[in-house]
PDB file of N, CA and C in Angstrom:
ATOM      1  N   MET A   1     154.077 217.106  46.169  1.00  0.00           N
ATOM      2  CA  MET A   1     153.534 215.601  46.256  1.00  0.00           C
ATOM      3  C   MET A   1     154.466 214.740  46.316  1.00  0.00           C
ATOM      4  N   SER A   2     154.301 213.705  47.267  1.00  0.00           N
ATOM      5  CA  SER A   2     155.425 212.876  47.428  1.00  0.00           C
ATOM      6  C   SER A   2     156.035 211.948  46.030  1.00  0.00           C
ATOM      7  N   MET A   3     157.290 211.436  46.182  1.00  0.00           N
ATOM      8  CA  MET A   3     157.502 210.579  45.129  1.00  0.00           C
ATOM      9  C   MET A   3     156.556 209.293  44.996  1.00  0.00           C
ATOM     10  N   GLN A   4     156.217 208.784  45.863  1.00  0.00           N
ATOM     11  CA  GLN A   4     155.100 207.306  45.881  1.00  0.00           C
ATOM     12  C   GLN A   4     153.972 208.137  45.275  1.00  0.00           C
ATOM     13  N   ARG A   5     153.442 209.071  45.576  1.00  0.00           N
ATOM     14  CA  ARG A   5     151.985 209.379  44.774  1.00  0.00           C
ATOM     15  C   ARG A   5     152.419 209.855  43.297  1.00  0.00           C
ATOM     16  N   LYS A   6     153.368 210.254  42.943  1.00  0.00           N
ATOM     17  CA  LYS A   6     153.781 210.449  41.563  1.00  0.00           C
ATOM     18  C   LYS A   6     154.082 209.217  40.628  1.00  0.00           C
ATOM     19  N   GLY A   7     154.696 208.201  41.415  1.00  0.00           N
ATOM     20  CA  GLY A   7     154.740 206.966  40.959  1.00  0.00           C
ATOM     21  C   GLY A   7     153.402 205.918  40.973  1.00  0.00           C
ATOM     22  N   GLU A   8     152.489 206.231  41.752  1.00  0.00           N
ATOM     23  CA  GLU A   8     151.339 205.728  41.606  1.00  0.00           C
ATOM     24  C   GLU A   8     150.373 206.346  40.275  1.00  0.00           C
ATOM     25  N   GLU A   9     150.470 207.877  40.270  1.00  0.00           N
ATOM     26  CA  GLU A   9     149.980 208.061  39.421  1.00  0.00           C
ATOM     27  C   GLU A   9     150.498 207.825  37.571  1.00  0.00           C
ATOM     28  N   ARG A  10     151.825 207.759  37.788  1.00  0.00           N
ATOM     29  CA  ARG A  10     152.474 207.385  36.507  1.00  0.00           C
ATOM     30  C   ARG A  10     152.004 205.648  36.297  1.00  0.00           C
ATOM     31  N   SER A  11     151.873 205.169  37.112  1.00  0.00           N
ATOM     32  CA  SER A  11     151.470 203.600  36.883  1.00  0.00           C
ATOM     33  C   SER A  11     150.078 203.460  36.315  1.00  0.00           C
ATOM     34  N   LEU A  12     149.121 204.347  36.875  1.00  0.00           N
ATOM     35  CA  LEU A  12     147.899 204.365  36.497  1.00  0.00           C
ATOM     36  C   LEU A  12     147.739 204.827  34.907  1.00  0.00           C
ATOM     37  N   VAL A  13     148.407 205.904  34.651  1.00  0.00           N
ATOM     38  CA  VAL A  13     148.525 206.334  33.435  1.00  0.00           C
ATOM     39  C   VAL A  13     148.911 205.465  32.322  1.00  0.00           C
ATOM     40  N   ASP A  14     150.189 204.811  32.653  1.00  0.00           N
ATOM     41  CA  ASP A  14     150.662 203.538  32.077  1.00  0.00           C
ATOM     42  C   ASP A  14     149.705 202.514  31.658  1.00  0.00           C
ATOM     43  N   THR A  15     148.963 202.081  32.833  1.00  0.00           N
ATOM     44  CA  THR A  15     147.827 201.185  32.571  1.00  0.00           C
ATOM     45  C   THR A  15     146.550 201.551  31.666  1.00  0.00           C
ATOM     46  N   LEU A  16     146.438 202.857  31.710  1.00  0.00           N
ATOM     47  CA  LEU A  16     145.168 203.232  31.161  1.00  0.00           C
ATOM     48  C   LEU A  16     145.762 203.152  29.736  1.00  0.00           C
ATOM     49  N   LEU A  17     147.059 203.458  29.448  1.00  0.00           N
ATOM     50  CA  LEU A  17     147.433 203.565  27.972  1.00  0.00           C
ATOM     51  C   LEU A  17     147.448 201.960  27.363  1.00  0.00           C
ATOM     52  N   ILE A  18     147.886 201.198  28.192  1.00  0.00           N
ATOM     53  CA  ILE A  18     147.968 199.698  27.976  1.00  0.00           C
ATOM     54  C   ILE A  18     146.827 199.230  27.395  1.00  0.00           C
ATOM     55  N   ASP A  19     145.632 199.700  28.257  1.00  0.00           N
ATOM     56  CA  ASP A  19     144.226 199.378  28.021  1.00  0.00           C
ATOM     57  C   ASP A  19     143.483 199.924  26.934  1.00  0.00           C
ATOM     58  N   VAL A  20     144.050 201.266  26.561  1.00  0.00           N
ATOM     59  CA  VAL A  20     143.319 201.749  25.578  1.00  0.00           C
ATOM     60  C   VAL A  20     143.846 201.150  23.747  1.00  0.00           C
ATOM     61  N   LYS A  21     144.973 200.723  24.146  1.00  0.00           N
ATOM     62  CA  LYS A  21     145.799 200.031  23.016  1.00  0.00           C
ATOM     63  C   LYS A  21     145.455 198.571  22.841  1.00  0.00           C
ATOM     64  N   ALA A  22     144.858 198.230  23.839  1.00  0.00           N
ATOM     65  CA  ALA A  22     144.570 196.528  24.056  1.00  0.00           C
ATOM     66  C   ALA A  22     143.471 196.269  22.987  1.00  0.00           C
ATOM     67  N   LYS A  23     143.607 195.322  22.060  1.00  0.00           N
ATOM     68  CA  LYS A  23     142.559 194.898  21.047  1.00  0.00           C
ATOM     69  C   LYS A  23     141.716 193.385  21.855  1.00  0.00           C
ATOM     70  N   GLU A  24     140.778 193.069  20.844  1.00  0.00           N
ATOM     71  CA  GLU A  24     140.691 191.695  21.177  1.00  0.00           C
ATOM     72  C   GLU A  24     140.238 190.907  19.890  1.00  0.00           C
ATOM     73  N   ILE A  25     140.270 189.633  19.809  1.00  0.00           N
ATOM     74  CA  ILE A  25     139.865 188.820  18.907  1.00  0.00           C
ATOM     75  C   ILE A  25     138.303 188.518  19.189  1.00  0.00           C
ATOM     76  N   ILE A  26     137.661 188.797  18.328  1.00  0.00           N
ATOM     77  CA  ILE A  26     136.016 188.247  18.346  1.00  0.00           C
ATOM     78  C   ILE A  26     135.779 187.049  17.841  1.00  0.00           C
ATOM     79  N   LEU A  27     135.055 186.034  18.114  1.00  0.00           N
ATOM     80  CA  LEU A  27     134.609 184.702  17.185  1.00  0.00           C
ATOM     81  C   LEU A  27     133.510 184.879  17.285  1.00  0.00           C
ATOM     82  N   HIS A  28     132.797 184.915  15.716  1.00  0.00           N
ATOM     83  CA  HIS A  28     131.586 184.714  15.628  1.00  0.00           C
ATOM     84  C   HIS A  28     130.986 183.654  15.327  1.00  0.00           C
ATOM     85  N   ASN A  29     129.768 183.540  15.622  1.00  0.00           N
ATOM     86  CA  ASN A  29     128.917 182.181  15.248  1.00  0.00           C
ATOM     87  C   ASN A  29     128.775 182.035  13.983  1.00  0.00           C
ATOM     88  N   ASP A  30     128.804 180.741  13.311  1.00  0.00           N
ATOM     89  CA  ASP A  30     128.325 180.080  12.301  1.00  0.00           C
ATOM     90  C   ASP A  30     127.750 178.854  12.192  1.00  0.00           C
ATOM     91  N   ASP A  31     127.107 178.439  11.022  1.00  0.00           N
ATOM     92  CA  ASP A  31     126.549 177.247  11.035  1.00  0.00           C
ATOM     93  C   ASP A  31     127.232 176.058  10.453  1.00  0.00           C
ATOM     94  N   VAL A  32     128.715 176.294  10.403  1.00  0.00           N
ATOM     95  CA  VAL A  32     129.502 175.500   9.692  1.00  0.00           C
ATOM     96  C   VAL A  32     130.385 174.449  10.308  1.00  0.00           C
ATOM     97  N   ASN A  33     131.035 175.370  11.251  1.00  0.00           N
ATOM     98  CA  ASN A  33     131.765 174.361  12.129  1.00  0.00           C
ATOM     99  C   ASN A  33     131.679 173.603  13.372  1.00  0.00           C
ATOM    100  N   THR A  34     132.130 172.714  13.762  1.00  0.00           N
ATOM    101  CA  THR A  34     131.659 171.740  14.885  1.00  0.00           C
ATOM    102  C   THR A  34     132.181 172.501  16.160  1.00  0.00           C
ATOM    103  N   PHE A  35     131.730 172.228  17.149  1.00  0.00           N
ATOM    104  CA  PHE A  35     132.175 172.394  18.442  1.00  0.00           C
ATOM    105  C   PHE A  35     133.575 171.946  18.856  1.00  0.00           C
ATOM    106  N   GLU A  36     134.287 170.805  18.346  1.00  0.00           N
ATOM    107  CA  GLU A  36     135.296 170.048  18.513  1.00  0.00           C
ATOM    108  C   GLU A  36     136.166 171.047  17.640  1.00  0.00           C
ATOM    109  N   HIS A  37     135.985 171.552  16.262  1.00  0.00           N
ATOM    110  CA  HIS A  37     136.862 172.238  15.396  1.00  0.00           C
ATOM    111  C   HIS A  37     137.147 173.388  16.092  1.00  0.00           C
ATOM    112  N   VAL A  38     136.026 174.229  16.899  1.00  0.00           N
ATOM    113  CA  VAL A  38     136.306 175.541  17.241  1.00  0.00           C
ATOM    114  C   VAL A  38     136.943 175.498  18.558  1.00  0.00           C
ATOM    115  N   ILE A  39     136.709 174.381  19.237  1.00  0.00           N
ATOM    116  CA  ILE A  39     137.742 174.029  20.721  1.00  0.00           C
ATOM    117  C   ILE A  39     139.278 173.671  20.614  1.00  0.00           C
ATOM    118  N   VAL A  40     139.450 172.755  19.391  1.00  0.00           N
ATOM    119  CA  VAL A  40     141.003 172.607  18.980  1.00  0.00           C
ATOM    120  C   VAL A  40     141.246 173.955  18.421  1.00  0.00           C
ATOM    121  N   SER A  41     140.643 174.495  17.652  1.00  0.00           N
ATOM    122  CA  SER A  41     141.401 175.550  16.943  1.00  0.00           C
ATOM    123  C   SER A  41     141.952 176.726  18.298  1.00  0.00           C
ATOM    124  N   LEU A  42     140.832 176.968  19.188  1.00  0.00           N
ATOM    125  CA  LEU A  42     141.406 177.928  20.332  1.00  0.00           C
ATOM    126  C   LEU A  42     142.316 177.322  21.305  1.00  0.00           C
ATOM    127  N   MET A  43     142.529 176.057  21.457  1.00  0.00           N
ATOM    128  CA  MET A  43     143.576 175.669  21.759  1.00  0.00           C
ATOM    129  C   MET A  43     144.764 175.752  21.156  1.00  0.00           C
ATOM    130  N   ASP A  44     144.734 175.507  19.977  1.00  0.00           N
ATOM    131  CA  ASP A  44     145.977 175.700  19.200  1.00  0.00           C
ATOM    132  C   ASP A  44     146.623 176.990  18.800  1.00  0.00           C
ATOM    133  N   ILE A  45     145.669 177.954  18.497  1.00  0.00           N
ATOM    134  CA  ILE A  45     146.155 179.118  18.110  1.00  0.00           C
ATOM    135  C   ILE A  45     146.031 179.872  19.400  1.00  0.00           C
ATOM    136  N   CYS A  46     144.981 180.163  19.963  1.00  0.00           N
ATOM    137  CA  CYS A  46     145.034 181.240  21.149  1.00  0.00           C
ATOM    138  C   CYS A  46     145.518 180.539  22.463  1.00  0.00           C
ATOM    139  N   ASP A  47     145.952 179.456  22.697  1.00  0.00           N
ATOM    140  CA  ASP A  47     146.682 178.789  23.863  1.00  0.00           C
ATOM    141  C   ASP A  47     145.559 178.607  24.912  1.00  0.00           C
ATOM    142  N   HIS A  48     144.364 178.390  24.533  1.00  0.00           N
ATOM    143  CA  HIS A  48     143.275 178.223  25.539  1.00  0.00           C
ATOM    144  C   HIS A  48     143.700 176.921  26.210  1.00  0.00           C
ATOM    145  N   ASP A  49     143.250 176.626  27.541  1.00  0.00           N
ATOM    146  CA  ASP A  49     143.068 175.344  28.212  1.00  0.00           C
ATOM    147  C   ASP A  49     141.854 174.850  27.437  1.00  0.00           C
ATOM    148  N   PRO A  50     141.498 173.713  27.317  1.00  0.00           N
ATOM    149  CA  PRO A  50     140.464 172.730  27.004  1.00  0.00           C
ATOM    150  C   PRO A  50     139.111 173.512  27.588  1.00  0.00           C
ATOM    151  N   ILE A  51     139.266 173.707  28.844  1.00  0.00           N
ATOM    152  CA  ILE A  51     137.873 174.227  29.797  1.00  0.00           C
ATOM    153  C   ILE A  51     137.482 175.704  28.877  1.00  0.00           C
ATOM    154  N   GLN A  52     138.513 176.577  28.733  1.00  0.00           N
ATOM    155  CA  GLN A  52     138.541 177.722  28.296  1.00  0.00           C
ATOM    156  C   GLN A  52     137.975 177.567  26.893  1.00  0.00           C
ATOM    157  N   ALA A  53     138.454 176.978  26.123  1.00  0.00           N
ATOM    158  CA  ALA A  53     138.022 176.927  24.838  1.00  0.00           C
ATOM    159  C   ALA A  53     136.566 176.463  24.661  1.00  0.00           C
ATOM    160  N   GLU A  54     136.242 175.214  25.261  1.00  0.00           N
ATOM    161  CA  GLU A  54     134.943 175.037  25.292  1.00  0.00           C
ATOM    162  C   GLU A  54     133.796 175.944  25.849  1.00  0.00           C
ATOM    163  N   GLN A  55     134.489 176.790  26.690  1.00  0.00           N
ATOM    164  CA  GLN A  55     133.448 177.636  27.246  1.00  0.00           C
ATOM    165  C   GLN A  55     133.175 178.962  26.356  1.00  0.00           C
ATOM    166  N   CYS A  56     133.945 179.151  25.755  1.00  0.00           N
ATOM    167  CA  CYS A  56     134.174 180.315  24.716  1.00  0.00           C
ATOM    168  C   CYS A  56     133.368 179.718  23.427  1.00  0.00           C
ATOM    169  N   ALA A  57     133.469 178.561  23.105  1.00  0.00           N
ATOM    170  CA  ALA A  57     132.529 177.686  22.131  1.00  0.00           C
ATOM    171  C   ALA A  57     131.147 177.708  22.404  1.00  0.00           C
ATOM    172  N   TRP A  58     130.865 177.642  23.747  1.00  0.00           N
ATOM    173  CA  TRP A  58     129.388 177.509  23.994  1.00  0.00           C
ATOM    174  C   TRP A  58     128.816 178.983  24.255  1.00  0.00           C
ATOM    175  N   LEU A  59     129.791 179.945  24.394  1.00  0.00           N
ATOM    176  CA  LEU A  59     129.363 181.536  24.582  1.00  0.00           C
ATOM    177  C   LEU A  59     129.169 181.883  23.014  1.00  0.00           C
ATOM    178  N   VAL A  60     129.662 181.536  22.378  1.00  0.00           N
ATOM    179  CA  VAL A  60     129.773 181.762  20.640  1.00  0.00           C
ATOM    180  C   VAL A  60     128.248 181.348  20.249  1.00  0.00           C
ATOM    181  N   HIS A  61     128.217 179.832  20.557  1.00  0.00           N
ATOM    182  CA  HIS A  61     126.870 179.403  20.077  1.00  0.00           C
ATOM    183  C   HIS A  61     125.514 180.131  20.726  1.00  0.00           C
ATOM    184  N   TYR A  62     125.710 180.304  22.004  1.00  0.00           N
ATOM    185  CA  TYR A  62     124.379 180.827  22.269  1.00  0.00           C
ATOM    186  C   TYR A  62     124.364 182.697  22.421  1.00  0.00           C
ATOM    187  N   THR A  63     125.253 183.240  22.040  1.00  0.00           N
ATOM    188  CA  THR A  63     125.396 184.869  22.360  1.00  0.00           C
ATOM    189  C   THR A  63     125.686 185.153  20.898  1.00  0.00           C
ATOM    190  N   GLY A  64     126.623 184.407  19.915  1.00  0.00           N
ATOM    191  CA  GLY A  64     126.550 184.908  18.717  1.00  0.00           C
ATOM    192  C   GLY A  64     128.046 185.398  18.500  1.00  0.00           C
ATOM    193  N   LYS A  65     128.862 185.624  19.662  1.00  0.00           N
ATOM    194  CA  LYS A  65     130.035 186.138  19.557  1.00  0.00           C
ATOM    195  C   LYS A  65     130.880 185.846  21.192  1.00  0.00           C
ATOM    196  N   CYS A  66     132.275 186.096  20.859  1.00  0.00           N
ATOM    197  CA  CYS A  66     132.979 185.943  22.177  1.00  0.00           C
ATOM    198  C   CYS A  66     134.107 186.410  22.018  1.00  0.00           C
ATOM    199  N   SER A  67     134.679 187.177  23.040  1.00  0.00           N
ATOM    200  CA  SER A  67     136.077 187.541  22.729  1.00  0.00           C
ATOM    201  C   SER A  67     137.168 186.373  23.148  1.00  0.00           C
ATOM    202  N   VAL A  68     137.775 186.021  22.742  1.00  0.00           N
ATOM    203  CA  VAL A  68     138.686 184.997  22.756  1.00  0.00           C
ATOM    204  C   VAL A  68     140.111 185.224  23.019  1.00  0.00           C
ATOM    205  N   LYS A  69     140.568 186.487  22.719  1.00  0.00           N
ATOM    206  CA  LYS A  69     142.141 186.767  22.944  1.00  0.00           C
ATOM    207  C   LYS A  69     141.924 188.367  23.387  1.00  0.00           C
ATOM    208  N   ARG A  70     142.979 188.772  24.234  1.00  0.00           N
ATOM    209  CA  ARG A  70     143.168 190.220  24.245  1.00  0.00           C
ATOM    210  C   ARG A  70     144.748 190.568  24.008  1.00  0.00           C
ATOM    211  N   GLY A  71     144.935 191.622  23.672  1.00  0.00           N
ATOM    212  CA  GLY A  71     146.124 192.247  23.578  1.00  0.00           C
ATOM    213  C   GLY A  71     146.613 193.097  22.446  1.00  0.00           C
ATOM    214  N   ALA A  72     147.777 193.208  22.069  1.00  0.00           N
ATOM    215  CA  ALA A  72     148.383 194.176  21.066  1.00  0.00           C
ATOM    216  C   ALA A  72     148.021 193.615  19.675  1.00  0.00           C
ATOM    217  N   PHE A  73     147.503 194.702  18.831  1.00  0.00           N
ATOM    218  CA  PHE A  73     147.258 194.284  17.625  1.00  0.00           C
ATOM    219  C   PHE A  73     148.041 193.515  16.692  1.00  0.00           C
ATOM    220  N   GLU A  74     149.602 193.977  16.798  1.00  0.00           N
ATOM    221  CA  GLU A  74     150.550 193.328  16.469  1.00  0.00           C
ATOM    222  C   GLU A  74     150.505 191.720  16.822  1.00  0.00           C
ATOM    223  N   VAL A  75     149.986 191.204  17.705  1.00  0.00           N
ATOM    224  CA  VAL A  75     150.138 190.003  18.364  1.00  0.00           C
ATOM    225  C   VAL A  75     149.085 189.504  17.994  1.00  0.00           C
ATOM    226  N   LEU A  76     147.727 190.042  17.874  1.00  0.00           N
ATOM    227  CA  LEU A  76     146.646 189.157  17.624  1.00  0.00           C
ATOM    228  C   LEU A  76     146.136 189.116  16.125  1.00  0.00           C
ATOM    229  N   ARG A  77     147.107 189.696  15.253  1.00  0.00           N
ATOM    230  CA  ARG A  77     146.846 189.476  13.937  1.00  0.00           C
ATOM    231  C   ARG A  77     147.173 188.217  13.146  1.00  0.00           C
ATOM    232  N   PRO A  78     148.227 187.640  13.634  1.00  0.00           N
ATOM    233  CA  PRO A  78     148.578 186.636  13.186  1.00  0.00           C
ATOM    234  C   PRO A  78     147.490 185.355  13.611  1.00  0.00           C
ATOM    235  N   MET A  79     147.014 185.445  14.815  1.00  0.00           N
ATOM    236  CA  MET A  79     145.990 184.465  15.407  1.00  0.00           C
ATOM    237  C   MET A  79     144.836 184.601  14.865  1.00  0.00           C
ATOM    238  N   CYS A  80     144.330 185.951  14.587  1.00  0.00           N
ATOM    239  CA  CYS A  80     143.219 185.984  13.958  1.00  0.00           C
ATOM    240  C   CYS A  80     143.138 185.640  12.422  1.00  0.00           C
ATOM    241  N   ASP A  81     144.413 185.694  11.844  1.00  0.00           N
ATOM    242  CA  ASP A  81     144.478 184.853  10.669  1.00  0.00           C
ATOM    243  C   ASP A  81     144.289 183.492  10.584  1.00  0.00           C
ATOM    244  N   ALA A  82     145.035 183.028  11.366  1.00  0.00           N
ATOM    245  CA  ALA A  82     144.831 181.532  11.838  1.00  0.00           C
ATOM    246  C   ALA A  82     143.555 180.989  12.040  1.00  0.00           C
ATOM    247  N   LEU A  83     142.872 181.793  12.766  1.00  0.00           N
ATOM    248  CA  LEU A  83     141.424 181.287  12.993  1.00  0.00           C
ATOM    249  C   LEU A  83     140.758 181.352  11.673  1.00  0.00           C
ATOM    250  N   CYS A  84     140.883 182.347  11.106  1.00  0.00           N
ATOM    251  CA  CYS A  84     139.924 182.295   9.769  1.00  0.00           C
ATOM    252  C   CYS A  84     140.573 181.526   8.601  1.00  0.00           C
ATOM    253  N   GLU A  85     141.853 181.245   8.832  1.00  0.00           N
ATOM    254  CA  GLU A  85     142.236 180.284   7.554  1.00  0.00           C
ATOM    255  C   GLU A  85     141.597 178.827   7.963  1.00  0.00           C
ATOM    256  N   ARG A  86     141.200 178.535   9.308  1.00  0.00           N
ATOM    257  CA  ARG A  86     140.504 177.175   9.544  1.00  0.00           C
ATOM    258  C   ARG A  86     139.207 177.313   9.515  1.00  0.00           C
ATOM    259  N   GLY A  87     138.885 178.356   8.836  1.00  0.00           N
ATOM    260  CA  GLY A  87     137.421 178.507   8.345  1.00  0.00           C
ATOM    261  C   GLY A  87     136.483 179.028   9.364  1.00  0.00           C
ATOM    262  N   LEU A  88     137.141 179.387  10.468  1.00  0.00           N
ATOM    263  CA  LEU A  88     136.320 180.318  11.766  1.00  0.00           C
ATOM    264  C   LEU A  88     136.026 182.038  11.283  1.00  0.00           C
ATOM    265  N   SER A  89     134.949 182.590  11.843  1.00  0.00           N
ATOM    266  CA  SER A  89     134.759 183.846  11.511  1.00  0.00           C
ATOM    267  C   SER A  89     135.039 184.436  12.769  1.00  0.00           C
ATOM    268  N   ALA A  90     136.194 185.211  12.613  1.00  0.00           N
ATOM    269  CA  ALA A  90     136.955 186.282  13.303  1.00  0.00           C
ATOM    270  C   ALA A  90     137.299 187.627  13.141  1.00  0.00           C
ATOM    271  N   ASP A  91     137.232 188.622  13.779  1.00  0.00           N
ATOM    272  CA  ASP A  91     138.011 189.683  13.704  1.00  0.00           C
ATOM    273  C   ASP A  91     138.531 190.404  14.844  1.00  0.00           C
ATOM    274  N   ILE A  92     139.260 191.643  14.821  1.00  0.00           N
ATOM    275  CA  ILE A  92     140.025 192.304  15.588  1.00  0.00           C
ATOM    276  C   ILE A  92     138.906 193.529  16.080  1.00  0.00           C
ATOM    277  N   GLN A  93     138.631 193.698  17.232  1.00  0.00           N
ATOM    278  CA  GLN A  93     138.060 194.982  17.488  1.00  0.00           C
ATOM    279  C   GLN A  93     138.670 195.719  18.464  1.00  0.00           C
TER     280      GLN A  93
END
C-alpha cells in the first residue's frame, strides 16, 4: 500500500471519528418567544448572521425544531445553556 493511500485512509478515519463525536443544539418551537427574540438570541449566542438566524427561526416555527449549531459537546453546552437562560427551548443531541 502506498503512503498516499495510507494517508487518505487515516484522513477518512479521522473525519469519521470527528463526525461521530459531533453533537448539535436543537432549538424547539414554543408559543412564547417572538421571532425577533429568537433571531437576536441566535445571532448573539450561536454567532449566526441575520439571514441564517431568521431561516432557523422559520424552520423552528414550521417544523417544530431546527439544528442551530454543530460541534463538540464542550463547546455547545454553554451555548445551549445561554439559549435556555433566554427562555428558549433547546437541547443537545
